[in-house]
PDB file of N, CA and C in Angstrom:
ATOM      1  N   MET A   1       0.293  -9.898  23.436  1.00  0.00           N
ATOM      2  CA  MET A   1      -0.110  -9.640  22.237  1.00  0.00           C
ATOM      3  C   MET A   1       1.303  -9.609  20.747  1.00  0.00           C
ATOM      4  N   ILE A   2       1.429 -11.066  20.532  1.00  0.00           N
ATOM      5  CA  ILE A   2       2.146 -11.251  19.724  1.00  0.00           C
ATOM      6  C   ILE A   2       1.795 -10.943  17.868  1.00  0.00           C
ATOM      7  N   GLN A   3       0.657 -11.623  17.657  1.00  0.00           N
ATOM      8  CA  GLN A   3       0.247 -11.490  15.968  1.00  0.00           C
ATOM      9  C   GLN A   3       1.134 -10.127  16.034  1.00  0.00           C
ATOM     10  N   PRO A   4       0.124  -9.004  16.401  1.00  0.00           N
ATOM     11  CA  PRO A   4       0.727  -7.940  15.521  1.00  0.00           C
ATOM     12  C   PRO A   4       1.934  -7.392  15.715  1.00  0.00           C
ATOM     13  N   LEU A   5       2.763  -7.658  16.629  1.00  0.00           N
ATOM     14  CA  LEU A   5       3.811  -7.703  16.131  1.00  0.00           C
ATOM     15  C   LEU A   5       4.626  -8.420  14.984  1.00  0.00           C
ATOM     16  N   ILE A   6       4.010 -10.095  14.772  1.00  0.00           N
ATOM     17  CA  ILE A   6       4.667 -10.493  13.547  1.00  0.00           C
ATOM     18  C   ILE A   6       3.756  -9.891  12.411  1.00  0.00           C
ATOM     19  N   ASP A   7       2.525  -9.651  11.991  1.00  0.00           N
ATOM     20  CA  ASP A   7       2.227  -8.823  11.381  1.00  0.00           C
ATOM     21  C   ASP A   7       2.336  -7.453  10.850  1.00  0.00           C
ATOM     22  N   THR A   8       3.059  -6.338  12.129  1.00  0.00           N
ATOM     23  CA  THR A   8       3.628  -5.158  11.309  1.00  0.00           C
ATOM     24  C   THR A   8       5.298  -6.046  10.899  1.00  0.00           C
ATOM     25  N   PHE A   9       6.108  -7.031  11.475  1.00  0.00           N
ATOM     26  CA  PHE A   9       6.763  -7.393  10.745  1.00  0.00           C
ATOM     27  C   PHE A   9       6.924  -7.818   9.473  1.00  0.00           C
ATOM     28  N   PHE A  10       6.196  -8.630   8.590  1.00  0.00           N
ATOM     29  CA  PHE A  10       6.208  -8.681   7.337  1.00  0.00           C
ATOM     30  C   PHE A  10       5.653  -7.668   6.672  1.00  0.00           C
ATOM     31  N   ALA A  11       4.387  -6.217   7.265  1.00  0.00           N
ATOM     32  CA  ALA A  11       3.515  -5.691   6.446  1.00  0.00           C
ATOM     33  C   ALA A  11       5.080  -4.722   5.792  1.00  0.00           C
ATOM     34  N   ALA A  12       6.211  -4.697   6.758  1.00  0.00           N
ATOM     35  CA  ALA A  12       7.127  -3.687   7.065  1.00  0.00           C
ATOM     36  C   ALA A  12       7.205  -4.060   4.639  1.00  0.00           C
ATOM     37  N   PHE A  13       7.911  -5.556   4.910  1.00  0.00           N
ATOM     38  CA  PHE A  13       8.386  -5.821   3.400  1.00  0.00           C
ATOM     39  C   PHE A  13       7.379  -5.965   1.769  1.00  0.00           C
ATOM     40  N   THR A  14       7.387  -4.403   1.897  1.00  0.00           N
ATOM     41  CA  THR A  14       5.951  -4.451   0.766  1.00  0.00           C
ATOM     42  C   THR A  14       6.289  -2.877   0.829  1.00  0.00           C
ATOM     43  N   THR A  15       6.714  -3.197  -0.485  1.00  0.00           N
ATOM     44  CA  THR A  15       7.137  -2.487  -1.959  1.00  0.00           C
ATOM     45  C   THR A  15       5.084  -0.590  -1.937  1.00  0.00           C
ATOM     46  N   GLY A  16       6.747   0.359  -2.088  1.00  0.00           N
ATOM     47  CA  GLY A  16       4.826   1.566  -2.140  1.00  0.00           C
ATOM     48  C   GLY A  16       5.175   2.199  -1.296  1.00  0.00           C
ATOM     49  N   PRO A  17       3.943   3.082  -1.100  1.00  0.00           N
ATOM     50  CA  PRO A  17       3.853   4.630  -0.331  1.00  0.00           C
ATOM     51  C   PRO A  17       3.957   4.054   1.516  1.00  0.00           C
ATOM     52  N   ASP A  18       4.643   4.314   1.782  1.00  0.00           N
ATOM     53  CA  ASP A  18       5.730   4.661   3.901  1.00  0.00           C
ATOM     54  C   ASP A  18       6.424   3.337   3.717  1.00  0.00           C
ATOM     55  N   CYS A  19       6.871   2.638   2.533  1.00  0.00           N
ATOM     56  CA  CYS A  19       7.718   1.461   2.316  1.00  0.00           C
ATOM     57  C   CYS A  19       9.097   2.261   3.771  1.00  0.00           C
ATOM     58  N   ALA A  20       9.385   3.523   3.250  1.00  0.00           N
ATOM     59  CA  ALA A  20      10.514   3.264   4.213  1.00  0.00           C
ATOM     60  C   ALA A  20      10.392   3.742   5.836  1.00  0.00           C
ATOM     61  N   ALA A  21       8.858   4.107   5.776  1.00  0.00           N
ATOM     62  CA  ALA A  21       9.112   4.403   7.304  1.00  0.00           C
ATOM     63  C   ALA A  21       8.684   2.696   8.163  1.00  0.00           C
ATOM     64  N   ARG A  22       7.711   1.453   7.019  1.00  0.00           N
ATOM     65  CA  ARG A  22       7.445   0.732   7.710  1.00  0.00           C
ATOM     66  C   ARG A  22       8.852  -0.037   8.411  1.00  0.00           C
ATOM     67  N   LEU A  23       9.780   0.270   7.191  1.00  0.00           N
ATOM     68  CA  LEU A  23      11.107  -0.244   8.178  1.00  0.00           C
ATOM     69  C   LEU A  23      12.249   0.376   8.744  1.00  0.00           C
ATOM     70  N   ASP A  24      11.774   1.217   9.172  1.00  0.00           N
ATOM     71  CA  ASP A  24      11.886   2.625  10.429  1.00  0.00           C
ATOM     72  C   ASP A  24      11.488   2.121  11.132  1.00  0.00           C
ATOM     73  N   ALA A  25      10.423   1.471  11.308  1.00  0.00           N
ATOM     74  CA  ALA A  25       9.331   0.940  12.807  1.00  0.00           C
ATOM     75  C   ALA A  25      10.326  -0.200  12.834  1.00  0.00           C
ATOM     76  N   LEU A  26      10.742  -1.469  11.999  1.00  0.00           N
ATOM     77  CA  LEU A  26      11.218  -2.459  12.524  1.00  0.00           C
ATOM     78  C   LEU A  26      12.273  -2.964  13.630  1.00  0.00           C
ATOM     79  N   PRO A  27      12.776  -1.884  13.512  1.00  0.00           N
ATOM     80  CA  PRO A  27      14.370  -2.220  15.034  1.00  0.00           C
ATOM     81  C   PRO A  27      13.378  -1.726  16.225  1.00  0.00           C
ATOM     82  N   ASP A  28      12.189  -1.317  16.252  1.00  0.00           N
ATOM     83  CA  ASP A  28      11.985  -1.468  17.310  1.00  0.00           C
ATOM     84  C   ASP A  28      10.916  -3.061  17.800  1.00  0.00           C
ATOM     85  N   LEU A  29      10.741  -3.709  17.133  1.00  0.00           N
ATOM     86  CA  LEU A  29      10.296  -4.748  17.058  1.00  0.00           C
ATOM     87  C   LEU A  29      11.417  -5.888  17.951  1.00  0.00           C
ATOM     88  N   PHE A  30      12.410  -5.511  18.137  1.00  0.00           N
ATOM     89  CA  PHE A  30      13.628  -6.436  17.802  1.00  0.00           C
ATOM     90  C   PHE A  30      14.386  -5.707  19.212  1.00  0.00           C
ATOM     91  N   LEU A  31      15.430  -6.809  20.372  1.00  0.00           N
ATOM     92  CA  LEU A  31      16.201  -7.250  20.602  1.00  0.00           C
ATOM     93  C   LEU A  31      16.499  -6.272  20.416  1.00  0.00           C
ATOM     94  N   PRO A  32      17.772  -5.166  21.054  1.00  0.00           N
ATOM     95  CA  PRO A  32      19.218  -4.291  19.959  1.00  0.00           C
ATOM     96  C   PRO A  32      19.937  -6.082  20.138  1.00  0.00           C
ATOM     97  N   GLU A  33      20.546  -6.518  20.538  1.00  0.00           N
ATOM     98  CA  GLU A  33      20.988  -7.760  20.220  1.00  0.00           C
ATOM     99  C   GLU A  33      20.330  -9.211  19.314  1.00  0.00           C
ATOM    100  N   ALA A  34      19.525  -8.854  19.292  1.00  0.00           N
ATOM    101  CA  ALA A  34      19.306  -9.601  18.692  1.00  0.00           C
ATOM    102  C   ALA A  34      20.169 -10.331  17.012  1.00  0.00           C
ATOM    103  N   VAL A  35      19.341 -11.489  16.579  1.00  0.00           N
ATOM    104  CA  VAL A  35      20.141 -12.063  15.973  1.00  0.00           C
ATOM    105  C   VAL A  35      19.316 -12.456  14.454  1.00  0.00           C
ATOM    106  N   ILE A  36      19.570 -12.487  13.039  1.00  0.00           N
ATOM    107  CA  ILE A  36      18.792 -13.053  12.429  1.00  0.00           C
ATOM    108  C   ILE A  36      20.177 -13.727  11.883  1.00  0.00           C
ATOM    109  N   VAL A  37      19.324 -14.567  11.072  1.00  0.00           N
ATOM    110  CA  VAL A  37      19.822 -15.514  10.581  1.00  0.00           C
ATOM    111  C   VAL A  37      18.811 -16.671   8.540  1.00  0.00           C
ATOM    112  N   GLY A  38      20.038 -16.061   8.276  1.00  0.00           N
ATOM    113  CA  GLY A  38      18.676 -17.018   7.134  1.00  0.00           C
ATOM    114  C   GLY A  38      19.286 -17.819   5.995  1.00  0.00           C
ATOM    115  N   PRO A  39      19.838 -18.037   5.175  1.00  0.00           N
ATOM    116  CA  PRO A  39      20.409 -18.934   3.662  1.00  0.00           C
ATOM    117  C   PRO A  39      21.205 -18.977   4.118  1.00  0.00           C
ATOM    118  N   GLY A  40      22.129 -20.254   4.496  1.00  0.00           N
ATOM    119  CA  GLY A  40      23.576 -20.259   4.648  1.00  0.00           C
ATOM    120  C   GLY A  40      24.010 -20.117   5.993  1.00  0.00           C
ATOM    121  N   ALA A  41      22.702 -20.400   6.829  1.00  0.00           N
ATOM    122  CA  ALA A  41      23.258 -19.810   7.787  1.00  0.00           C
ATOM    123  C   ALA A  41      23.840 -18.501   8.529  1.00  0.00           C
ATOM    124  N   VAL A  42      23.948 -17.778   7.397  1.00  0.00           N
ATOM    125  CA  VAL A  42      24.751 -16.041   7.975  1.00  0.00           C
ATOM    126  C   VAL A  42      23.699 -15.938   8.915  1.00  0.00           C
ATOM    127  N   ALA A  43      24.765 -15.138  10.174  1.00  0.00           N
ATOM    128  CA  ALA A  43      23.674 -14.295  10.763  1.00  0.00           C
ATOM    129  C   ALA A  43      24.674 -13.209  10.445  1.00  0.00           C
ATOM    130  N   ASP A  44      23.345 -12.057  11.238  1.00  0.00           N
ATOM    131  CA  ASP A  44      23.415 -10.157  10.698  1.00  0.00           C
ATOM    132  C   ASP A  44      22.350  -9.952  11.915  1.00  0.00           C
ATOM    133  N   SER A  45      22.915  -8.450  12.255  1.00  0.00           N
ATOM    134  CA  SER A  45      22.482  -7.833  13.373  1.00  0.00           C
ATOM    135  C   SER A  45      20.666  -7.319  12.568  1.00  0.00           C
ATOM    136  N   VAL A  46      21.141  -6.413  13.340  1.00  0.00           N
ATOM    137  CA  VAL A  46      19.400  -6.319  12.413  1.00  0.00           C
ATOM    138  C   VAL A  46      19.916  -4.894  11.553  1.00  0.00           C
ATOM    139  N   ALA A  47      20.471  -4.303  11.673  1.00  0.00           N
ATOM    140  CA  ALA A  47      20.743  -3.108  11.028  1.00  0.00           C
ATOM    141  C   ALA A  47      21.582  -3.770   9.345  1.00  0.00           C
ATOM    142  N   SER A  48      22.183  -4.552   9.758  1.00  0.00           N
ATOM    143  CA  SER A  48      22.917  -5.438   8.212  1.00  0.00           C
ATOM    144  C   SER A  48      22.117  -6.528   8.251  1.00  0.00           C
ATOM    145  N   PHE A  49      20.912  -6.853   8.664  1.00  0.00           N
ATOM    146  CA  PHE A  49      18.888  -7.232   7.814  1.00  0.00           C
ATOM    147  C   PHE A  49      18.858  -6.676   6.514  1.00  0.00           C
ATOM    148  N   LEU A  50      18.548  -5.394   7.730  1.00  0.00           N
ATOM    149  CA  LEU A  50      17.352  -3.937   6.801  1.00  0.00           C
ATOM    150  C   LEU A  50      18.944  -3.175   6.511  1.00  0.00           C
ATOM    151  N   ALA A  51      19.462  -3.354   6.577  1.00  0.00           N
ATOM    152  CA  ALA A  51      20.408  -2.490   4.570  1.00  0.00           C
ATOM    153  C   ALA A  51      20.149  -2.856   3.542  1.00  0.00           C
ATOM    154  N   PRO A  52      20.570  -4.091   3.426  1.00  0.00           N
ATOM    155  CA  PRO A  52      19.571  -4.411   1.453  1.00  0.00           C
ATOM    156  C   PRO A  52      18.728  -4.115   1.508  1.00  0.00           C
ATOM    157  N   ARG A  53      18.008  -4.658   2.588  1.00  0.00           N
ATOM    158  CA  ARG A  53      16.257  -4.890   1.930  1.00  0.00           C
ATOM    159  C   ARG A  53      15.954  -3.071   1.926  1.00  0.00           C
ATOM    160  N   ARG A  54      16.052  -2.512   2.613  1.00  0.00           N
ATOM    161  CA  ARG A  54      15.930  -1.046   2.289  1.00  0.00           C
ATOM    162  C   ARG A  54      16.669  -0.611   1.174  1.00  0.00           C
ATOM    163  N   ALA A  55      17.328  -0.687   0.191  1.00  0.00           N
ATOM    164  CA  ALA A  55      17.736  -0.826  -1.063  1.00  0.00           C
ATOM    165  C   ALA A  55      17.442  -0.921  -2.191  1.00  0.00           C
ATOM    166  N   LEU A  56      16.645  -2.478  -1.528  1.00  0.00           N
ATOM    167  CA  LEU A  56      16.155  -2.888  -2.168  1.00  0.00           C
ATOM    168  C   LEU A  56      14.588  -3.382  -2.401  1.00  0.00           C
ATOM    169  N   LEU A  57      13.966  -2.679  -1.322  1.00  0.00           N
ATOM    170  CA  LEU A  57      12.708  -2.062  -1.465  1.00  0.00           C
ATOM    171  C   LEU A  57      12.427  -0.943  -2.265  1.00  0.00           C
ATOM    172  N   THR A  58      13.256   0.013  -1.360  1.00  0.00           N
ATOM    173  CA  THR A  58      12.950   1.404  -2.158  1.00  0.00           C
ATOM    174  C   THR A  58      14.238   1.593  -3.688  1.00  0.00           C
ATOM    175  N   GLY A  59      14.831   0.717  -3.689  1.00  0.00           N
ATOM    176  CA  GLY A  59      15.819   1.299  -4.621  1.00  0.00           C
ATOM    177  C   GLY A  59      14.860   1.349  -6.314  1.00  0.00           C
ATOM    178  N   GLY A  60      13.534   0.716  -6.136  1.00  0.00           N
ATOM    179  CA  GLY A  60      12.855   1.130  -8.062  1.00  0.00           C
ATOM    180  C   GLY A  60      13.172  -0.156  -8.637  1.00  0.00           C
ATOM    181  N   GLY A  61      14.274  -1.843  -8.809  1.00  0.00           N
ATOM    182  CA  GLY A  61      14.481  -2.353  -9.178  1.00  0.00           C
ATOM    183  C   GLY A  61      13.458  -3.247  -9.099  1.00  0.00           C
ATOM    184  N   LEU A  62      12.833  -3.422  -7.574  1.00  0.00           N
ATOM    185  CA  LEU A  62      11.233  -4.051  -7.007  1.00  0.00           C
ATOM    186  C   LEU A  62      10.891  -3.576  -6.818  1.00  0.00           C
ATOM    187  N   THR A  63       9.428  -3.594  -7.569  1.00  0.00           N
ATOM    188  CA  THR A  63       8.352  -3.564  -7.263  1.00  0.00           C
ATOM    189  C   THR A  63       6.914  -4.307  -7.074  1.00  0.00           C
ATOM    190  N   SER A  64       6.014  -3.857  -6.356  1.00  0.00           N
ATOM    191  CA  SER A  64       4.248  -4.377  -6.480  1.00  0.00           C
ATOM    192  C   SER A  64       5.043  -5.916  -5.463  1.00  0.00           C
ATOM    193  N   PHE A  65       5.842  -5.643  -4.593  1.00  0.00           N
ATOM    194  CA  PHE A  65       5.906  -6.875  -4.059  1.00  0.00           C
ATOM    195  C   PHE A  65       5.124  -6.474  -2.034  1.00  0.00           C
ATOM    196  N   ARG A  66       5.429  -8.038  -2.425  1.00  0.00           N
ATOM    197  CA  ARG A  66       4.691  -8.192  -0.886  1.00  0.00           C
ATOM    198  C   ARG A  66       5.389  -9.711  -0.109  1.00  0.00           C
ATOM    199  N   GLU A  67       5.354  -9.063   1.272  1.00  0.00           N
ATOM    200  CA  GLU A  67       5.652 -10.451   1.544  1.00  0.00           C
ATOM    201  C   GLU A  67       4.577 -10.617   2.766  1.00  0.00           C
ATOM    202  N   TRP A  68       3.940 -11.695   2.854  1.00  0.00           N
ATOM    203  CA  TRP A  68       2.193 -12.396   3.641  1.00  0.00           C
ATOM    204  C   TRP A  68       2.473 -12.940   4.412  1.00  0.00           C
ATOM    205  N   GLU A  69       2.955 -13.911   6.083  1.00  0.00           N
ATOM    206  CA  GLU A  69       1.998 -14.953   6.544  1.00  0.00           C
ATOM    207  C   GLU A  69       1.232 -15.615   6.097  1.00  0.00           C
ATOM    208  N   VAL A  70       1.226 -16.318   5.775  1.00  0.00           N
ATOM    209  CA  VAL A  70       0.280 -17.682   5.162  1.00  0.00           C
ATOM    210  C   VAL A  70      -0.438 -18.533   6.043  1.00  0.00           C
ATOM    211  N   ALA A  71       0.401 -19.591   7.162  1.00  0.00           N
ATOM    212  CA  ALA A  71       0.008 -19.329   8.358  1.00  0.00           C
ATOM    213  C   ALA A  71       1.087 -20.084   9.321  1.00  0.00           C
ATOM    214  N   GLY A  72       0.436 -19.427  10.827  1.00  0.00           N
ATOM    215  CA  GLY A  72       1.240 -19.585  11.801  1.00  0.00           C
ATOM    216  C   GLY A  72       0.504 -20.600  13.923  1.00  0.00           C
ATOM    217  N   THR A  73       1.990 -21.142  13.824  1.00  0.00           N
ATOM    218  CA  THR A  73       1.542 -21.278  15.326  1.00  0.00           C
ATOM    219  C   THR A  73       2.262 -19.970  16.489  1.00  0.00           C
ATOM    220  N   THR A  74       2.266 -19.994  17.367  1.00  0.00           N
ATOM    221  CA  THR A  74       2.889 -19.532  19.026  1.00  0.00           C
ATOM    222  C   THR A  74       2.905 -20.311  19.766  1.00  0.00           C
ATOM    223  N   THR A  75       3.733 -20.808  20.412  1.00  0.00           N
ATOM    224  CA  THR A  75       3.359 -21.423  22.252  1.00  0.00           C
ATOM    225  C   THR A  75       4.437 -20.476  22.217  1.00  0.00           C
ATOM    226  N   VAL A  76       4.081 -19.972  24.042  1.00  0.00           N
ATOM    227  CA  VAL A  76       4.075 -19.030  24.705  1.00  0.00           C
ATOM    228  C   VAL A  76       4.742 -20.266  26.261  1.00  0.00           C
ATOM    229  N   ALA A  77       5.527 -19.500  26.378  1.00  0.00           N
ATOM    230  CA  ALA A  77       5.694 -20.408  27.924  1.00  0.00           C
ATOM    231  C   ALA A  77       7.240 -18.876  28.861  1.00  0.00           C
ATOM    232  N   GLY A  78       5.317 -18.183  29.404  1.00  0.00           N
ATOM    233  CA  GLY A  78       5.377 -16.874  30.357  1.00  0.00           C
ATOM    234  C   GLY A  78       5.429 -15.966  30.189  1.00  0.00           C
ATOM    235  N   ASP A  79       7.602 -15.960  30.326  1.00  0.00           N
ATOM    236  CA  ASP A  79       8.021 -14.954  29.024  1.00  0.00           C
ATOM    237  C   ASP A  79       8.697 -14.376  27.908  1.00  0.00           C
ATOM    238  N   ILE A  80       8.144 -16.211  27.542  1.00  0.00           N
ATOM    239  CA  ILE A  80       8.953 -15.987  26.406  1.00  0.00           C
ATOM    240  C   ILE A  80       8.641 -16.748  25.038  1.00  0.00           C
ATOM    241  N   ALA A  81       8.880 -16.685  23.887  1.00  0.00           N
ATOM    242  CA  ALA A  81       7.444 -17.789  22.719  1.00  0.00           C
ATOM    243  C   ALA A  81       8.573 -17.646  21.688  1.00  0.00           C
ATOM    244  N   HIS A  82       7.797 -19.281  21.029  1.00  0.00           N
ATOM    245  CA  HIS A  82       8.289 -19.248  19.263  1.00  0.00           C
ATOM    246  C   HIS A  82       7.010 -19.618  18.641  1.00  0.00           C
ATOM    247  N   HIS A  83       7.413 -18.752  17.485  1.00  0.00           N
ATOM    248  CA  HIS A  83       6.442 -18.791  16.378  1.00  0.00           C
ATOM    249  C   HIS A  83       7.119 -19.141  15.708  1.00  0.00           C
ATOM    250  N   ARG A  84       6.752 -20.426  14.923  1.00  0.00           N
ATOM    251  CA  ARG A  84       6.902 -20.238  13.390  1.00  0.00           C
ATOM    252  C   ARG A  84       5.763 -20.561  12.603  1.00  0.00           C
ATOM    253  N   CYS A  85       6.165 -19.765  11.447  1.00  0.00           N
ATOM    254  CA  CYS A  85       5.082 -19.774  10.512  1.00  0.00           C
ATOM    255  C   CYS A  85       5.844 -19.704   8.744  1.00  0.00           C
ATOM    256  N   THR A  86       4.681 -19.842   7.758  1.00  0.00           N
ATOM    257  CA  THR A  86       5.030 -20.080   5.996  1.00  0.00           C
ATOM    258  C   THR A  86       4.193 -18.221   5.757  1.00  0.00           C
ATOM    259  N   TYR A  87       5.271 -18.849   4.834  1.00  0.00           N
ATOM    260  CA  TYR A  87       4.972 -17.045   4.007  1.00  0.00           C
ATOM    261  C   TYR A  87       5.308 -17.463   3.025  1.00  0.00           C
ATOM    262  N   ALA A  88       4.206 -16.375   2.292  1.00  0.00           N
ATOM    263  CA  ALA A  88       4.870 -16.080   0.658  1.00  0.00           C
ATOM    264  C   ALA A  88       5.125 -15.069   0.258  1.00  0.00           C
ATOM    265  N   LYS A  89       5.893 -15.163  -0.587  1.00  0.00           N
ATOM    266  CA  LYS A  89       5.826 -13.946  -1.880  1.00  0.00           C
ATOM    267  C   LYS A  89       5.568 -13.167  -2.728  1.00  0.00           C
ATOM    268  N   GLU A  90       5.641 -12.109  -3.183  1.00  0.00           N
ATOM    269  CA  GLU A  90       5.535 -12.100  -5.303  1.00  0.00           C
ATOM    270  C   GLU A  90       6.196 -10.430  -5.073  1.00  0.00           C
ATOM    271  N   GLY A  91       6.613 -10.099  -6.513  1.00  0.00           N
ATOM    272  CA  GLY A  91       6.559  -9.143  -6.811  1.00  0.00           C
ATOM    273  C   GLY A  91       7.708  -8.886  -7.989  1.00  0.00           C
ATOM    274  N   VAL A  92       7.859  -7.797  -8.766  1.00  0.00           N
ATOM    275  CA  VAL A  92       8.353  -8.153 -10.353  1.00  0.00           C
ATOM    276  C   VAL A  92      10.151  -6.974  -9.676  1.00  0.00           C
ATOM    277  N   ARG A  93      10.579  -8.415 -10.181  1.00  0.00           N
ATOM    278  CA  ARG A  93      11.880  -7.329 -10.105  1.00  0.00           C
ATOM    279  C   ARG A  93      12.906  -7.299 -11.190  1.00  0.00           C
ATOM    280  N   ASP A  94      13.129  -6.578 -11.327  1.00  0.00           N
ATOM    281  CA  ASP A  94      13.803  -5.879 -12.914  1.00  0.00           C
ATOM    282  C   ASP A  94      13.367  -6.382 -14.531  1.00  0.00           C
ATOM    283  N   GLY A  95      11.918  -6.389 -13.731  1.00  0.00           N
ATOM    284  CA  GLY A  95      10.767  -6.603 -15.021  1.00  0.00           C
ATOM    285  C   GLY A  95      10.136  -7.715 -14.847  1.00  0.00           C
ATOM    286  N   ALA A  96      10.358  -8.822 -14.078  1.00  0.00           N
ATOM    287  CA  ALA A  96      10.399  -9.806 -14.585  1.00  0.00           C
ATOM    288  C   ALA A  96       9.627 -10.731 -12.929  1.00  0.00           C
ATOM    289  N   PRO A  97       7.909 -11.046 -12.952  1.00  0.00           N
ATOM    290  CA  PRO A  97       7.540 -11.311 -12.007  1.00  0.00           C
ATOM    291  C   PRO A  97       7.780 -12.615 -11.636  1.00  0.00           C
ATOM    292  N   PHE A  98       8.126 -12.939 -10.299  1.00  0.00           N
ATOM    293  CA  PHE A  98       8.189 -14.022  -9.256  1.00  0.00           C
ATOM    294  C   PHE A  98       7.484 -14.353  -7.800  1.00  0.00           C
ATOM    295  N   THR A  99       7.552 -14.974  -7.615  1.00  0.00           N
ATOM    296  CA  THR A  99       6.260 -16.018  -6.609  1.00  0.00           C
ATOM    297  C   THR A  99       7.846 -16.278  -5.973  1.00  0.00           C
ATOM    298  N   GLY A 100       7.256 -16.509  -3.802  1.00  0.00           N
ATOM    299  CA  GLY A 100       7.900 -17.813  -3.949  1.00  0.00           C
ATOM    300  C   GLY A 100       7.336 -17.525  -2.420  1.00  0.00           C
ATOM    301  N   SER A 101       8.201 -19.392  -1.385  1.00  0.00           N
ATOM    302  CA  SER A 101       7.650 -18.996  -0.452  1.00  0.00           C
ATOM    303  C   SER A 101       8.437 -19.859   0.737  1.00  0.00           C
ATOM    304  N   GLY A 102       8.764 -19.917   1.850  1.00  0.00           N
ATOM    305  CA  GLY A 102       9.732 -19.909   3.085  1.00  0.00           C
ATOM    306  C   GLY A 102       9.233 -20.158   4.273  1.00  0.00           C
ATOM    307  N   THR A 103       9.295 -20.263   5.522  1.00  0.00           N
ATOM    308  CA  THR A 103       9.270 -20.766   6.624  1.00  0.00           C
ATOM    309  C   THR A 103      10.062 -19.526   7.743  1.00  0.00           C
ATOM    310  N   LYS A 104       9.701 -19.478   8.283  1.00  0.00           N
ATOM    311  CA  LYS A 104      10.373 -18.590   9.509  1.00  0.00           C
ATOM    312  C   LYS A 104       9.635 -18.618  10.333  1.00  0.00           C
ATOM    313  N   MET A 105      11.375 -18.570  11.442  1.00  0.00           N
ATOM    314  CA  MET A 105      10.972 -19.396  12.802  1.00  0.00           C
ATOM    315  C   MET A 105      11.273 -18.440  14.077  1.00  0.00           C
ATOM    316  N   LEU A 106      10.159 -17.539  15.095  1.00  0.00           N
ATOM    317  CA  LEU A 106      10.950 -16.388  15.349  1.00  0.00           C
ATOM    318  C   LEU A 106      10.794 -16.551  16.656  1.00  0.00           C
ATOM    319  N   GLN A 107      11.994 -16.040  18.418  1.00  0.00           N
ATOM    320  CA  GLN A 107      12.076 -16.863  19.048  1.00  0.00           C
ATOM    321  C   GLN A 107      11.519 -14.877  19.996  1.00  0.00           C
ATOM    322  N   LEU A 108      10.602 -14.716  20.708  1.00  0.00           N
ATOM    323  CA  LEU A 108      10.362 -13.970  21.461  1.00  0.00           C
ATOM    324  C   LEU A 108      10.701 -13.556  23.164  1.00  0.00           C
ATOM    325  N   VAL A 109      10.658 -12.482  23.207  1.00  0.00           N
ATOM    326  CA  VAL A 109      11.132 -12.479  24.525  1.00  0.00           C
ATOM    327  C   VAL A 109       9.630 -11.367  25.080  1.00  0.00           C
ATOM    328  N   ARG A 110       9.101 -11.542  26.484  1.00  0.00           N
ATOM    329  CA  ARG A 110       8.127 -10.160  27.095  1.00  0.00           C
ATOM    330  C   ARG A 110       9.204  -9.351  27.332  1.00  0.00           C
ATOM    331  N   THR A 111       9.127  -7.794  27.236  1.00  0.00           N
ATOM    332  CA  THR A 111       9.829  -7.263  28.473  1.00  0.00           C
ATOM    333  C   THR A 111       9.103  -6.204  28.506  1.00  0.00           C
ATOM    334  N   PRO A 112       9.421  -5.134  29.363  1.00  0.00           N
ATOM    335  CA  PRO A 112       8.505  -3.668  30.107  1.00  0.00           C
ATOM    336  C   PRO A 112       7.920  -3.364  29.028  1.00  0.00           C
ATOM    337  N   GLN A 113       8.408  -3.392  27.185  1.00  0.00           N
ATOM    338  CA  GLN A 113       7.899  -2.810  26.663  1.00  0.00           C
ATOM    339  C   GLN A 113       6.542  -3.861  25.823  1.00  0.00           C
ATOM    340  N   GLY A 114       7.055  -4.263  25.539  1.00  0.00           N
ATOM    341  CA  GLY A 114       5.802  -5.658  25.187  1.00  0.00           C
ATOM    342  C   GLY A 114       6.774  -6.460  24.818  1.00  0.00           C
ATOM    343  N   TRP A 115       6.424  -7.593  24.040  1.00  0.00           N
ATOM    344  CA  TRP A 115       6.755  -8.749  23.052  1.00  0.00           C
ATOM    345  C   TRP A 115       8.180  -7.694  22.157  1.00  0.00           C
ATOM    346  N   ARG A 116       9.301  -8.975  22.064  1.00  0.00           N
ATOM    347  CA  ARG A 116      10.486  -7.946  21.640  1.00  0.00           C
ATOM    348  C   ARG A 116      10.859  -9.655  20.364  1.00  0.00           C
ATOM    349  N   ILE A 117      11.517  -9.578  19.626  1.00  0.00           N
ATOM    350  CA  ILE A 117      11.827 -10.435  17.977  1.00  0.00           C
ATOM    351  C   ILE A 117      13.207 -10.690  19.603  1.00  0.00           C
ATOM    352  N   ALA A 118      14.308 -11.859  19.770  1.00  0.00           N
ATOM    353  CA  ALA A 118      15.133 -12.197  19.695  1.00  0.00           C
ATOM    354  C   ALA A 118      16.087 -12.474  18.859  1.00  0.00           C
ATOM    355  N   ALA A 119      15.197 -13.402  18.226  1.00  0.00           N
ATOM    356  CA  ALA A 119      15.881 -14.639  17.184  1.00  0.00           C
ATOM    357  C   ALA A 119      15.496 -14.895  15.704  1.00  0.00           C
ATOM    358  N   LEU A 120      15.883 -14.439  14.573  1.00  0.00           N
ATOM    359  CA  LEU A 120      14.699 -14.941  13.300  1.00  0.00           C
ATOM    360  C   LEU A 120      15.793 -15.809  12.532  1.00  0.00           C
ATOM    361  N   ALA A 121      14.926 -16.374  12.247  1.00  0.00           N
ATOM    362  CA  ALA A 121      15.509 -17.233  11.125  1.00  0.00           C
ATOM    363  C   ALA A 121      14.708 -17.771   9.787  1.00  0.00           C
ATOM    364  N   TRP A 122      15.388 -17.998   9.108  1.00  0.00           N
ATOM    365  CA  TRP A 122      14.278 -18.551   7.703  1.00  0.00           C
ATOM    366  C   TRP A 122      14.825 -19.421   7.460  1.00  0.00           C
ATOM    367  N   HIS A 123      13.498 -20.089   6.262  1.00  0.00           N
ATOM    368  CA  HIS A 123      15.213 -21.240   5.036  1.00  0.00           C
ATOM    369  C   HIS A 123      13.549 -20.524   3.504  1.00  0.00           C
ATOM    370  N   ASP A 124      13.718 -20.202   2.900  1.00  0.00           N
ATOM    371  CA  ASP A 124      13.526 -19.698   1.512  1.00  0.00           C
ATOM    372  C   ASP A 124      12.718 -21.622   0.762  1.00  0.00           C
ATOM    373  N   ASP A 125      11.628 -21.647   0.030  1.00  0.00           N
ATOM    374  CA  ASP A 125      11.584 -22.331  -0.944  1.00  0.00           C
ATOM    375  C   ASP A 125      12.606 -23.358  -1.897  1.00  0.00           C
TER     376      ASP A 125
END
């Protein structure tokens, strides 16, 4: 059941009620050693990836924000999988509306506890 994991991942990046609880649940989607790579080829741990996003999503400067998967495909080979998707985002930052989009690629592994993200990389358009 990979798609529910992907849906939970994207849903966490939404401002408003229960944002902190959704962010608290995110580490359980990842392997403890997972690597996250964003623009500029900067590699983060799950904790170092989440800390600034938590501050941004709960700090009040970013409102009406949401990020969602537009389209995606998953390839599974035994206990490993690759999910490639496009995504969109919109919100209001410091009073100015904005939109954006990009591509995310997730490497997943099946563990005794279910599918977990082993690596995540993305590119904003």
